[in-house]
Amino acid sequence: MLQNLLRNDEFRRDFRNRFADLMNDAWTPERMHQMIDENAAHMAEEVSANYAQWTPVCGGSYCPPDEGSWQWAVDQV
């Protein structure tokens, strides 16, 4: 659907302008870091419980991270 919309010159111009506005306002690195930190604070207390619940049954496929690995990943952003 987006590919078809982007064939329209007016839509493409409006899309590009809106995206640029968001990049310069709502999606700044500072704002994204703030949002990540806020969400991580809400999730932090559940990481250990999630790890304990699912690691025994993940069977070698994707297993949830332990608290240290999770915090390291959050800090990399």
C-alpha atoms as a PDB file:
ATOM      1  CA  MET A   1       0.000   0.000   0.000  1.00  0.00           C
ATOM      2  CA  LEU A   2       2.778   2.443   0.888  1.00  0.00           C
ATOM      3  CA  GLN A   3       4.524   1.784  -2.419  1.00  0.00           C
ATOM      4  CA  ASN A   4       1.361   2.737  -4.290  1.00  0.00           C
ATOM      5  CA  LEU A   5       0.891   5.861  -2.186  1.00  0.00           C
ATOM      6  CA  LEU A   6       4.492   6.909  -2.809  1.00  0.00           C
ATOM      7  CA  ARG A   7       3.779   7.004  -6.542  1.00  0.00           C
ATOM      8  CA  ASN A   8       1.638  10.056  -5.864  1.00  0.00           C
ATOM      9  CA  ASP A   9       3.844  13.175  -5.931  1.00  0.00           C
ATOM     10  CA  GLU A  10       1.738  15.105  -3.421  1.00  0.00           C
ATOM     11  CA  PHE A  11       1.641  12.217  -0.953  1.00  0.00           C
ATOM     12  CA  ARG A  12       5.383  11.607  -1.341  1.00  0.00           C
ATOM     13  CA  ARG A  13       6.130  15.289  -0.636  1.00  0.00           C
ATOM     14  CA  ASP A  14       3.820  15.379   2.396  1.00  0.00           C
ATOM     15  CA  PHE A  15       5.222  12.085   3.691  1.00  0.00           C
ATOM     16  CA  ARG A  16       8.819  13.304   3.353  1.00  0.00           C
ATOM     17  CA  ASN A  17       8.024  16.621   5.064  1.00  0.00           C
ATOM     18  CA  ARG A  18       6.175  14.947   7.948  1.00  0.00           C
ATOM     19  CA  PHE A  19       8.981  12.429   8.416  1.00  0.00           C
ATOM     20  CA  ALA A  20      11.551  15.250   8.509  1.00  0.00           C
ATOM     21  CA  ASP A  21       9.449  17.121  11.068  1.00  0.00           C
ATOM     22  CA  LEU A  22       9.312  14.042  13.290  1.00  0.00           C
ATOM     23  CA  MET A  23      13.047  13.426  12.981  1.00  0.00           C
ATOM     24  CA  ASN A  24      13.711  16.986  14.117  1.00  0.00           C
ATOM     25  CA  ASP A  25      11.231  16.973  16.993  1.00  0.00           C
ATOM     26  CA  ALA A  26       9.676  13.774  18.308  1.00  0.00           C
ATOM     27  CA  TRP A  27      12.404  11.339  17.259  1.00  0.00           C
ATOM     28  CA  THR A  28      15.521  13.159  18.399  1.00  0.00           C
ATOM     29  CA  PRO A  29      18.209  10.982  19.975  1.00  0.00           C
ATOM     30  CA  GLU A  30      17.675  12.694  23.319  1.00  0.00           C
ATOM     31  CA  ARG A  31      13.934  11.990  23.279  1.00  0.00           C
ATOM     32  CA  MET A  32      14.459   8.383  22.211  1.00  0.00           C
ATOM     33  CA  HIS A  33      16.972   7.809  25.025  1.00  0.00           C
ATOM     34  CA  GLN A  34      14.478   9.278  27.490  1.00  0.00           C
ATOM     35  CA  MET A  35      11.700   6.997  26.231  1.00  0.00           C
ATOM     36  CA  ILE A  36      13.960   3.937  26.348  1.00  0.00           C
ATOM     37  CA  ASP A  37      15.028   4.730  29.906  1.00  0.00           C
ATOM     38  CA  GLU A  38      11.415   5.257  31.015  1.00  0.00           C
ATOM     39  CA  ASN A  39      10.260   1.998  29.444  1.00  0.00           C
ATOM     40  CA  ALA A  40      13.263   0.107  30.802  1.00  0.00           C
ATOM     41  CA  ALA A  41      12.456   1.358  34.315  1.00  0.00           C
ATOM     42  CA  HIS A  42       8.921  -0.072  33.991  1.00  0.00           C
ATOM     43  CA  MET A  43      10.202  -3.389  32.652  1.00  0.00           C
ATOM     44  CA  ALA A  44      13.227  -3.878  34.920  1.00  0.00           C
ATOM     45  CA  GLU A  45      11.440  -5.565  37.794  1.00  0.00           C
ATOM     46  CA  GLU A  46       9.929  -8.186  35.462  1.00  0.00           C
ATOM     47  CA  VAL A  47      13.135  -9.239  33.693  1.00  0.00           C
ATOM     48  CA  SER A  48      14.283 -11.714  36.363  1.00  0.00           C
ATOM     49  CA  ALA A  49      10.830 -13.295  36.663  1.00  0.00           C
ATOM     50  CA  ASN A  50      10.559 -13.632  32.894  1.00  0.00           C
ATOM     51  CA  TYR A  51      13.999 -15.243  32.741  1.00  0.00           C
ATOM     52  CA  ALA A  52      13.164 -17.672  35.550  1.00  0.00           C
ATOM     53  CA  GLN A  53       9.841 -18.654  33.995  1.00  0.00           C
ATOM     54  CA  TRP A  54      10.876 -19.196  30.397  1.00  0.00           C
ATOM     55  CA  THR A  55      14.536 -20.251  30.411  1.00  0.00           C
ATOM     56  CA  PRO A  56      13.774 -23.816  31.590  1.00  0.00           C
ATOM     57  CA  VAL A  57      11.417 -24.384  28.661  1.00  0.00           C
ATOM     58  CA  CYS A  58      12.991 -22.406  25.822  1.00  0.00           C
ATOM     59  CA  GLY A  59      14.707 -25.540  24.552  1.00  0.00           C
ATOM     60  CA  GLY A  60      17.753 -23.997  22.986  1.00  0.00           C
ATOM     61  CA  SER A  61      15.815 -21.572  20.806  1.00  0.00           C
ATOM     62  CA  TYR A  62      15.393 -17.949  21.839  1.00  0.00           C
ATOM     63  CA  CYS A  63      15.643 -17.640  25.592  1.00  0.00           C
ATOM     64  CA  PRO A  64      14.953 -14.405  27.446  1.00  0.00           C
ATOM     65  CA  PRO A  65      18.004 -12.551  28.711  1.00  0.00           C
ATOM     66  CA  ASP A  66      19.066 -12.587  32.321  1.00  0.00           C
ATOM     67  CA  GLU A  67      19.033  -9.267  34.163  1.00  0.00           C
ATOM     68  CA  GLY A  68      22.679  -8.458  33.422  1.00  0.00           C
ATOM     69  CA  SER A  69      22.384  -9.154  29.695  1.00  0.00           C
ATOM     70  CA  TRP A  70      19.150  -7.201  29.495  1.00  0.00           C
ATOM     71  CA  GLN A  71      20.626  -4.174  31.270  1.00  0.00           C
ATOM     72  CA  TRP A  72      23.697  -4.309  29.014  1.00  0.00           C
ATOM     73  CA  ALA A  73      21.410  -4.231  25.936  1.00  0.00           C
ATOM     74  CA  VAL A  74      19.419  -1.293  27.319  1.00  0.00           C
ATOM     75  CA  ASP A  75      22.659   0.595  28.024  1.00  0.00           C
ATOM     76  CA  GLN A  76      23.878   0.090  24.434  1.00  0.00           C
ATOM     77  CA  VAL A  77      21.121   2.285  23.033  1.00  0.00           C
END
